[in-house]
Each structure stands twice: as C-alpha cells, then as structure tokens.
C-alpha cells in the first residue's frame, strides 16, 4: 500500500527517467501526475518523454505541460550534451499515443493539491518555474501541499554548471527563491549529497537481468549519460541526482539535514548559487550527508522489481 502520494515536476532527461521508473517500481509511492518543465530538454520534449515513460509501464498517469522559459532571466541552452537532443541519449524520439492533460502545470498542481489537502508531496527534479507559477496562480497551494522535495542546489558543494551553481536552480534562480520563501515545508536534495551516489554500467546491467524490459531501457540510456561523466568528470559511473530526491522522501533516515534560511543569487557570476544566510523568515531542510551506498542499494533493489510491478499493473 502506498505511503506517499506524489506529483513529479520533471524535465526528462536521463536521470529523470531513472527516477520515474523508480517511482513506478516502488509500492510505497503513488504517482498522481507529472508536470513538465524546460531544462534538460524543451518542455514539449519533456512532455512527450513523460508520456512515453508512463506508457512504458502501462500507467495512465496524467501529464500536464508547464513553463517553456524562466520567470525573468534569458533561457540557458538545454543540456543536450548531457542527455541527448531527445532527452534519452541515443534512444530514438518517442511518439506516445496518449495526449497531455489540458491544464497547465500550475493549474494541475493547484487543483490536485486542493482536492487532496495535506496529502500530496510535490517532488521537483527540474527548474522550479512551475512551482513558482503555481504559487502565483493560487497561494493556497503552500498550505494544501503536504510538503515539497527538490533535487537542486549546491549549498556546501561546488556547482555542476558553474563553480557556484547547480543546473536546476541556475536555470531559474528567481523561481527557486520564490519556492524557498513560500510557507510550505521544503527539503532540498542537492549536489552536497547527490554527486556522491553513483551507479555504473554494471549496476544497470544487473537490473536488466531481473527486469529485462525496464532494465534494458535504463541500461541503454545510462550508457550515454555515463559516457558524459567519463569524458567530462572523470567518473566511471553516473550520479543519481533525481532518484536521490525520491529516496529522500521514502527513506529519510538515510539522509542528514540542517534547517536553514537560503538565498539564491539572482545575477552576476554566482547566479544560481544557493547560499545559507544567518537569518530569514523561512527555512529549508538542506540535505548535508547521505548513506550513499544504502541509497544506491534502495534504487537498484527497487528497480529489480520494475518489470514485475508493470505486470501487476496490467
């Protein structure tokens, strides 16, 4: 029986796909919907990819399309050198049969949380524009959402797109600040922990043994992702950025946090930096350390049952 009702705000993206298949494979999670955002790919591609991933597991999860551009700043280039032009490395363009939800992401988030007050966790693993727009559309979402878990930021760690900034916050720092300042419970799962949680090609090959269909897809797309890490980071594997945020929700005992006010640098050479400040009206739970091997094991053990979970759904 599910313990967590969630809506995933996502820009799939290879590690987004990993997180989405992890969600579908974990019986503790009930995915009520996905909202899409620009970031790794343009938002229309993100929507298409999210629909494809739902179809892959036989789920009818609604997918609502969100923002195409940041709130204020000029859009940054999409990360096709990391995720491929279509978002899944060398995997061909997807053509799902289902259509997107007619609502905007902001409308979807507000309406769903209002219909289930205090029950839904919003898990955001892309730029935070949709959440900021939802707060503007209906400020009551801050009270209606159970909590918010974000993959983003680099508080006590270097960035991954600049010396200072993590990609999701860098892509819309103004939205990030609005989300940090809102009156809801926020947990930030950033590079402080995610870049230390690593999976290799062998790990995905083992998933393929127990879940040949989902595992083979993840193995194929992870090859492209890991090649980026090998050639640009010197790491023989890939960081589990987005899956870590999901596991921080289901297995919080594997993470340590501090509860601090955060500011986001909005311009200049440190734009996108997430900075702890001495005082502030709102505080964010910032993950500081994680049991990296235990998080990795949760991810791989869950995906080992991905095909079985799909079969049970059909």
Protein backbone atom coordinates (compact mmCIF):
# COMPACT_ATOMS: atom_id res chain seq x y z
CA UNK A 1 0.00 0.00 0.00
CA UNK A 2 1.35 3.41 -0.93
CA UNK A 3 2.60 5.66 1.85
CA UNK A 4 3.27 8.74 -0.26
CA UNK A 5 1.05 10.42 -2.83
CA UNK A 6 3.27 12.48 -5.12
CA UNK A 7 3.24 14.72 -8.16
CA UNK A 8 6.55 14.79 -10.02
CA UNK A 9 7.66 18.03 -11.67
CA UNK A 10 10.22 16.89 -14.21
CA UNK A 11 12.24 17.59 -17.37
CA UNK A 12 13.05 14.05 -18.63
CA UNK A 13 16.16 13.72 -19.02
CA UNK A 14 18.05 10.53 -18.32
CA UNK A 15 18.22 10.71 -14.54
CA UNK A 16 14.59 11.88 -14.57
CA UNK A 17 13.73 8.65 -16.39
CA UNK A 18 15.61 6.72 -13.73
CA UNK A 19 13.61 8.50 -11.02
CA UNK A 20 10.29 7.94 -12.81
CA UNK A 21 10.87 4.22 -13.23
CA UNK A 22 11.97 4.05 -9.61
CA UNK A 23 8.68 5.69 -8.58
CA UNK A 24 6.61 3.26 -10.63
CA UNK A 25 8.54 0.32 -9.18
CA UNK A 26 8.22 1.40 -5.52
CA UNK A 27 4.92 0.26 -3.94
CA UNK A 28 5.34 2.94 -1.27
CA UNK A 29 4.71 5.64 -3.88
CA UNK A 30 1.53 6.63 -5.70
CA UNK A 31 2.22 8.90 -8.67
CA UNK A 32 -0.87 11.08 -9.12
CA UNK A 33 0.56 13.05 -12.00
CA UNK A 34 3.57 14.56 -13.69
CA UNK A 35 4.11 18.18 -14.64
CA UNK A 36 6.77 19.05 -17.17
CA UNK A 37 9.28 21.87 -17.38
CA UNK A 38 12.05 23.11 -19.65
CA UNK A 39 15.59 22.20 -18.60
CA UNK A 40 17.34 19.11 -19.86
CA UNK A 41 15.16 19.41 -22.98
CA UNK A 42 12.49 21.83 -24.27
CA UNK A 43 9.21 21.48 -22.41
CA UNK A 44 7.38 19.90 -25.37
CA UNK A 45 10.04 17.17 -25.48
CA UNK A 46 9.80 16.75 -21.71
CA UNK A 47 6.04 16.22 -22.03
CA UNK A 48 6.46 13.68 -24.80
CA UNK A 49 9.09 11.82 -22.79
CA UNK A 50 6.98 11.77 -19.62
CA UNK A 51 4.01 10.35 -21.53
CA UNK A 52 6.26 7.72 -23.08
CA UNK A 53 7.64 6.63 -19.70
CA UNK A 54 4.12 6.26 -18.32
CA UNK A 55 3.06 4.22 -21.35
CA UNK A 56 6.17 2.06 -20.97
CA UNK A 57 4.86 0.75 -17.64
CA UNK A 58 1.19 0.66 -18.61
CA UNK A 59 0.21 3.62 -16.42
CA UNK A 60 -2.37 6.28 -17.31
CA UNK A 61 -0.65 8.97 -15.24
CA UNK A 62 -1.82 12.45 -16.30
CA UNK A 63 0.95 14.70 -17.65
CA UNK A 64 0.43 18.47 -17.62
CA UNK A 65 2.78 20.70 -19.58
CA UNK A 66 4.44 23.62 -17.84
CA UNK A 67 6.67 26.60 -18.45
CA UNK A 68 8.79 26.99 -21.57
CA UNK A 69 11.11 29.65 -20.16
CA UNK A 70 12.28 31.03 -16.80
CA UNK A 71 10.38 33.72 -14.90
CA UNK A 72 12.86 36.53 -15.54
CA UNK A 73 16.23 35.62 -16.96
CA UNK A 74 17.13 34.73 -20.54
CA UNK A 75 16.84 30.94 -21.02
CA UNK A 76 20.04 28.92 -20.81
CA UNK A 77 20.81 26.32 -23.51
CA UNK A 78 19.28 22.88 -22.99
CA UNK A 79 21.70 20.20 -21.75
CA UNK A 80 21.63 18.04 -24.88
CA UNK A 81 25.35 17.35 -24.49
CA UNK A 82 24.46 15.51 -21.26
CA UNK A 83 21.07 13.97 -22.10
CA UNK A 84 20.95 13.96 -25.90
CA UNK A 85 18.76 16.08 -28.16
CA UNK A 86 15.66 13.99 -27.42
CA UNK A 87 16.48 13.59 -23.73
CA UNK A 88 17.28 9.88 -23.62
CA UNK A 89 20.77 9.81 -25.11
CA UNK A 90 20.83 7.79 -28.34
CA UNK A 91 17.34 6.39 -27.74
CA UNK A 92 15.11 7.47 -30.64
CA UNK A 93 12.43 10.12 -30.42
CA UNK A 94 9.35 8.82 -28.63
CA UNK A 95 5.82 9.02 -30.04
CA UNK A 96 3.36 8.29 -27.23
CA UNK A 97 -0.25 7.65 -28.11
CA UNK A 98 -1.70 9.48 -25.12
CA UNK A 99 -2.22 13.25 -25.02
CA UNK A 100 -1.17 15.67 -22.35
CA UNK A 101 -3.60 16.95 -19.71
CA UNK A 102 -5.39 20.11 -20.92
CA UNK A 103 -4.42 22.05 -17.79
CA UNK A 104 -1.20 23.96 -17.36
CA UNK A 105 1.26 22.56 -14.85
CA UNK A 106 0.47 25.39 -12.42
CA UNK A 107 -3.28 24.72 -12.67
CA UNK A 108 -2.75 20.98 -12.29
CA UNK A 109 -0.58 21.38 -9.20
CA UNK A 110 -3.03 23.76 -7.55
CA UNK A 111 -6.15 21.75 -8.38
CA UNK A 112 -4.70 18.40 -7.34
CA UNK A 113 -3.34 19.63 -4.01
CA UNK A 114 -6.64 21.42 -3.30
CA UNK A 115 -8.50 18.17 -3.98
CA UNK A 116 -6.20 16.26 -1.58
CA UNK A 117 -5.24 18.84 1.07
CA UNK A 118 -2.30 17.82 3.21
CA UNK A 119 -1.78 14.57 1.28
CA UNK A 120 0.43 15.28 -1.74
CA UNK A 121 4.19 15.73 -1.84
CA UNK A 122 5.41 17.74 -4.80
CA UNK A 123 8.73 16.29 -5.96
CA UNK A 124 10.53 18.76 -8.22
CA UNK A 125 13.53 17.48 -10.16
CA UNK A 126 13.86 20.27 -12.74
CA UNK A 127 13.89 24.08 -12.70
CA UNK A 128 11.33 25.40 -10.24
CA UNK A 129 9.35 27.67 -12.57
CA UNK A 130 6.14 25.61 -12.41
CA UNK A 131 6.11 25.73 -8.62
CA UNK A 132 6.61 29.49 -8.61
CA UNK A 133 3.81 29.91 -11.16
CA UNK A 134 1.56 27.67 -9.05
CA UNK A 135 2.21 29.86 -6.00
CA UNK A 136 1.18 32.89 -8.07
CA UNK A 137 -1.88 31.11 -9.51
CA UNK A 138 -3.19 30.05 -6.09
CA UNK A 139 -1.11 30.86 -2.99
CA UNK A 140 -3.19 28.29 -1.06
CA UNK A 141 -1.05 25.57 -2.64
CA UNK A 142 1.56 26.32 0.02
CA UNK A 143 -0.90 25.10 2.65
CA UNK A 144 -2.60 22.41 0.56
CA UNK A 145 0.61 20.57 -0.39
CA UNK A 146 1.89 18.19 2.25
CA UNK A 147 5.50 19.15 1.51
CA UNK A 148 7.96 19.78 -1.29
CA UNK A 149 11.11 17.76 -2.08
CA UNK A 150 13.52 19.33 -4.55
CA UNK A 151 16.53 18.00 -6.41
CA UNK A 152 18.56 21.15 -6.71
CA UNK A 153 21.14 23.46 -5.25
CA UNK A 154 24.68 23.20 -4.00
CA UNK A 155 24.88 24.74 -0.55
CA UNK A 156 28.21 23.44 0.75
CA UNK A 157 29.43 21.90 -2.51
CA UNK A 158 30.62 23.27 -5.86
CA UNK A 159 28.12 23.59 -8.70
CA UNK A 160 27.86 21.41 -11.79
CA UNK A 161 27.18 24.07 -14.45
CA UNK A 162 29.36 26.81 -12.94
CA UNK A 163 31.71 26.88 -9.99
CA UNK A 164 28.78 28.02 -7.86
CA UNK A 165 25.50 26.76 -9.35
CA UNK A 166 23.59 23.52 -9.76
CA UNK A 167 21.70 23.24 -13.06
CA UNK A 168 18.08 23.28 -11.86
CA UNK A 169 18.49 26.40 -9.73
CA UNK A 170 20.75 28.04 -12.33
CA UNK A 171 18.04 27.61 -14.97
CA UNK A 172 15.57 29.72 -12.95
CA UNK A 173 17.05 31.25 -9.79
CA UNK A 174 14.14 33.67 -9.36
CA UNK A 175 11.69 30.77 -9.22
CA UNK A 176 13.90 28.95 -6.72
CA UNK A 177 13.88 31.92 -4.38
CA UNK A 178 10.08 32.17 -4.54
CA UNK A 179 9.81 28.47 -3.70
CA UNK A 180 12.26 28.76 -0.79
CA UNK A 181 10.35 31.75 0.60
CA UNK A 182 6.86 30.22 0.42
CA UNK A 183 5.10 28.92 3.51
CA UNK A 184 5.46 25.21 2.86
CA UNK A 185 7.83 22.53 4.10
CA UNK A 186 10.77 22.22 1.69
CA UNK A 187 13.57 19.66 1.59
CA UNK A 188 16.48 20.39 -0.73
CA UNK A 189 18.40 17.36 -2.01
CA UNK A 190 21.34 18.95 -3.75
CA UNK A 191 24.82 18.25 -5.01
CA UNK A 192 26.01 18.10 -1.41
CA UNK A 193 24.73 14.51 -1.43
CA UNK A 194 23.64 13.51 -4.95
CA UNK A 195 27.03 13.65 -6.64
CA UNK A 196 28.32 11.08 -4.12
CA UNK A 197 25.66 8.49 -5.01
CA UNK A 198 26.94 6.70 -8.10
CA UNK A 199 25.80 3.82 -10.31
CA UNK A 200 27.84 2.09 -13.01
CA UNK A 201 27.04 0.33 -16.26
CA UNK A 202 27.39 -2.98 -14.41
CA UNK A 203 24.70 -1.87 -11.96
CA UNK A 204 22.23 -1.23 -14.78
CA UNK A 205 23.21 -4.50 -16.46
CA UNK A 206 22.25 -6.33 -13.26
CA UNK A 207 18.89 -4.55 -13.19
CA UNK A 208 18.36 -5.84 -16.74
CA UNK A 209 18.78 -9.41 -15.53
CA UNK A 210 15.80 -9.20 -13.17
CA UNK A 211 13.76 -6.61 -15.11
CA UNK A 212 14.71 -7.14 -18.77
CA UNK A 213 12.30 -4.61 -20.27
CA UNK A 214 12.69 -1.59 -17.98
CA UNK A 215 16.25 -2.54 -17.12
CA UNK A 216 17.34 -2.70 -20.75
CA UNK A 217 15.86 0.74 -21.44
CA UNK A 218 17.67 2.23 -18.43
CA UNK A 219 20.87 0.43 -19.37
CA UNK A 220 20.70 1.85 -22.90
CA UNK A 221 20.10 5.46 -21.90
CA UNK A 222 22.56 5.33 -18.98
CA UNK A 223 25.37 4.42 -21.38
CA UNK A 224 25.11 7.87 -22.99
CA UNK A 225 24.88 9.54 -19.57
CA UNK A 226 27.84 7.67 -18.14
CA UNK A 227 29.94 8.47 -21.21
CA UNK A 228 29.41 12.15 -20.37
CA UNK A 229 30.63 11.53 -16.82
CA UNK A 230 33.66 9.54 -18.01
CA UNK A 231 34.70 12.19 -20.53
CA UNK A 232 33.89 15.31 -18.54
CA UNK A 233 34.01 14.43 -14.86
CA UNK A 234 36.42 11.51 -14.81
CA UNK A 235 33.84 9.30 -13.06
CA UNK A 236 33.24 5.70 -14.17
CA UNK A 237 29.54 5.95 -13.48
CA UNK A 238 26.73 8.49 -13.11
CA UNK A 239 25.38 10.41 -10.16
CA UNK A 240 21.83 9.53 -9.11
CA UNK A 241 20.66 13.13 -8.81
CA UNK A 242 16.91 12.79 -9.36
CA UNK A 243 16.44 9.31 -7.87
CA UNK A 244 18.13 10.54 -4.69
CA UNK A 245 15.40 13.13 -4.19
CA UNK A 246 12.74 10.41 -4.41
CA UNK A 247 14.60 8.19 -1.96
CA UNK A 248 14.99 11.13 0.44
CA UNK A 249 11.19 11.10 0.65
CA UNK A 250 10.74 7.35 1.16
CA UNK A 251 13.88 6.69 3.21
CA UNK A 252 14.66 9.91 5.10
CA UNK A 253 16.71 8.03 7.70
CA UNK A 254 19.42 7.62 5.04
CA UNK A 255 19.95 11.40 4.94
CA UNK A 256 21.04 14.05 7.42
CA UNK A 257 19.73 17.59 7.12
CA UNK A 258 20.11 21.06 8.53
CA UNK A 259 17.22 23.54 8.77
CA UNK A 260 18.45 26.89 7.50
CA UNK A 261 17.33 30.02 5.61
CA UNK A 262 18.51 30.08 1.99
CA UNK A 263 19.05 32.84 -0.53
CA UNK A 264 19.53 32.31 -4.24
CA UNK A 265 21.96 34.56 -6.08
CA UNK A 266 19.91 36.13 -8.88
CA UNK A 267 22.57 37.68 -11.11
CA UNK A 268 26.29 38.11 -11.63
CA UNK A 269 28.92 35.41 -11.87
CA UNK A 270 27.43 33.48 -8.92
CA UNK A 271 23.91 33.38 -10.36
CA UNK A 272 22.11 30.26 -9.20
CA UNK A 273 24.22 29.81 -6.09
CA UNK A 274 22.21 28.65 -3.07
CA UNK A 275 23.62 30.42 -0.03
CA UNK A 276 22.87 29.77 3.62
CA UNK A 277 22.20 33.04 5.44
CA UNK A 278 22.28 33.96 9.11
CA UNK A 279 18.60 34.76 9.38
CA UNK A 280 15.48 34.70 7.27
CA UNK A 281 11.74 34.38 7.51
CA UNK A 282 11.66 30.87 6.03
CA UNK A 283 13.89 27.83 6.49
CA UNK A 284 14.65 24.91 4.20
CA UNK A 285 15.70 21.37 5.16
CA UNK A 286 19.03 21.03 3.34
CA UNK A 287 20.45 17.52 2.95
CA UNK A 288 24.05 17.62 4.12
CA UNK A 289 25.12 13.97 4.05
CA UNK A 290 23.71 10.65 2.94
CA UNK A 291 24.49 6.97 3.31
CA UNK A 292 25.44 6.81 -0.35
CA UNK A 293 25.77 3.04 -0.57
CA UNK A 294 22.42 2.47 1.16
CA UNK A 295 20.68 4.95 -1.17
CA UNK A 296 22.23 3.23 -4.18
CA UNK A 297 21.01 -0.13 -2.87
CA UNK A 298 17.45 1.14 -2.42
CA UNK A 299 17.49 2.38 -6.02
CA UNK A 300 18.82 -0.85 -7.51
CA UNK A 301 16.71 -3.15 -5.35
CA UNK A 302 13.57 -1.22 -6.26
CA UNK A 303 14.29 -1.29 -9.99
CA UNK A 304 14.94 -5.03 -9.81
CA UNK A 305 11.14 -5.34 -9.41
CA UNK A 306 10.24 -2.85 -12.15
CA UNK A 307 9.00 -5.43 -14.67
CA UNK A 308 7.06 -7.29 -12.01
CA UNK A 309 5.35 -4.07 -10.92
CA UNK A 310 4.45 -3.36 -14.54
CA UNK A 311 2.96 -6.85 -14.93
CA UNK A 312 0.88 -6.36 -11.77
CA UNK A 313 -0.43 -3.06 -13.15
CA UNK A 314 -1.74 -4.67 -16.34
